[in-house]
Amino acid sequence: MTLAVKQGDTLHVQGERLDDEGQPVSITGSTINAQLRHGNDVHTLQCEIVDGEAGTFTLYAPAAATADWPAKSYRFDVEFVSADGDVDSTVTRRFRVDRDNTRV
């Protein structure tokens, strides 16, 4: 699955941490990190836990930030750091930034 945002749009991505059987994994007390990368071009996303017990979270970038992102394909994953310091990352996925056609 490739996620996408247009330059200058607000990015909101809802996510859910699931185990191999598709059951929610608690992320209570965890820290979440996520970055888009293409070579030396790196954009850090804001990450917020929505419901820790249900494993739900949001990745966010304001419109002012995405306006400056070059239009191209990036790679990203989501990193979960537990309260005990264990680190677990999702699979790496593609993320596309598209040019915005409407600029008022």
Protein backbone atom coordinates (compact mmCIF):
# COMPACT_ATOMS: atom_id res chain seq x y z
CA MET A 1 0.00 0.00 0.00
CA THR A 2 1.35 3.43 -0.95
CA LEU A 3 0.21 6.43 1.09
CA ALA A 4 0.14 9.88 -0.47
CA VAL A 5 -0.28 13.56 0.35
CA LYS A 6 -0.31 16.64 -1.88
CA GLN A 7 2.12 19.46 -1.20
CA GLY A 8 0.46 21.97 1.12
CA ASP A 9 -2.20 19.56 2.42
CA THR A 10 -2.49 18.49 6.05
CA LEU A 11 -1.40 14.89 6.54
CA HIS A 12 -3.42 12.70 8.94
CA VAL A 13 -2.80 8.95 8.88
CA GLN A 14 -4.63 6.71 11.34
CA GLY A 15 -2.84 3.50 12.29
CA GLU A 16 -3.38 0.43 14.44
CA ARG A 17 -0.68 -1.81 15.92
CA LEU A 18 -1.72 -5.45 15.38
CA ASP A 19 -0.12 -8.81 16.17
CA ASP A 20 0.26 -11.65 13.65
CA GLU A 21 -3.33 -12.80 14.33
CA GLY A 22 -4.75 -9.33 13.67
CA GLN A 23 -5.38 -8.55 17.33
CA PRO A 24 -4.61 -5.07 18.77
CA VAL A 25 -1.29 -4.67 20.59
CA SER A 26 -1.20 -2.24 23.51
CA ILE A 27 1.11 0.71 22.92
CA THR A 28 0.38 2.33 26.28
CA GLY A 29 3.55 3.96 27.60
CA SER A 30 5.30 3.65 24.23
CA THR A 31 6.92 6.34 22.12
CA ILE A 32 6.16 6.36 18.40
CA ASN A 33 8.53 7.70 15.73
CA ALA A 34 8.08 7.95 11.96
CA GLN A 35 10.07 9.57 9.16
CA LEU A 36 9.77 9.81 5.39
CA ARG A 37 13.13 9.24 3.67
CA HIS A 38 14.53 9.54 0.18
CA GLY A 39 18.33 9.63 0.22
CA ASN A 40 19.34 12.57 2.42
CA ASP A 41 15.83 14.05 2.27
CA VAL A 42 14.17 13.32 5.65
CA HIS A 43 10.80 14.51 6.98
CA THR A 44 9.78 13.67 10.56
CA LEU A 45 6.10 13.06 11.27
CA GLN A 46 4.36 13.96 14.52
CA CYS A 47 3.08 10.80 16.21
CA GLU A 48 0.32 10.58 18.80
CA ILE A 49 -1.23 7.63 20.64
CA VAL A 50 -5.01 7.77 20.30
CA ASP A 51 -5.98 4.70 22.38
CA GLY A 52 -2.99 2.90 23.89
CA GLU A 53 -4.83 -0.29 24.86
CA ALA A 54 -6.42 -0.57 21.41
CA GLY A 55 -3.06 0.12 19.74
CA THR A 56 -4.34 3.08 17.72
CA PHE A 57 -2.23 6.08 16.77
CA THR A 58 -2.10 9.04 14.37
CA LEU A 59 0.73 10.29 12.16
CA TYR A 60 0.49 14.00 11.38
CA ALA A 61 2.20 16.78 9.44
CA PRO A 62 0.77 20.31 9.12
CA ALA A 63 0.08 21.87 5.72
CA ALA A 64 2.95 24.34 6.22
CA ALA A 65 5.38 21.41 6.49
CA THR A 66 4.11 19.40 3.52
CA ALA A 67 4.20 22.53 1.34
CA ASP A 68 8.00 22.37 1.49
CA TRP A 69 8.31 18.63 0.78
CA PRO A 70 9.63 17.87 -2.72
CA ALA A 71 7.20 15.89 -4.88
CA LYS A 72 8.62 12.36 -5.14
CA SER A 73 8.40 8.87 -3.64
CA TYR A 74 9.67 8.21 -0.13
CA ARG A 75 10.00 5.20 2.13
CA PHE A 76 8.73 5.13 5.72
CA ASP A 77 8.09 2.88 8.66
CA VAL A 78 6.69 3.39 12.14
CA GLU A 79 8.94 2.67 15.13
CA PHE A 80 7.48 1.76 18.52
CA VAL A 81 9.70 2.13 21.59
CA SER A 82 8.18 0.47 24.67
CA ALA A 83 8.51 1.85 28.19
CA ASP A 84 11.13 -0.89 28.75
CA GLY A 85 13.20 0.38 25.80
CA ASP A 86 12.33 -2.42 23.36
CA VAL A 87 12.23 -1.18 19.75
CA ASP A 88 9.94 -2.70 17.12
CA SER A 89 9.32 -1.27 13.65
CA THR A 90 6.67 -1.92 11.04
CA VAL A 91 7.52 -3.10 7.55
CA THR A 92 8.86 -0.36 5.29
CA ARG A 93 6.23 1.12 3.02
CA ARG A 94 6.14 3.64 0.19
CA PHE A 95 4.87 7.18 0.59
CA ARG A 96 4.28 9.60 -2.28
CA VAL A 97 4.21 13.40 -2.19
CA ASP A 98 2.31 14.79 -5.17
CA ARG A 99 2.43 18.30 -6.62
CA ASP A 100 -0.49 20.47 -5.64
CA ASN A 101 -2.40 21.81 -8.65
CA THR A 102 -4.59 24.35 -6.84
CA ARG A 103 -2.62 27.17 -5.23
CA VAL A 104 -4.69 30.12 -4.10
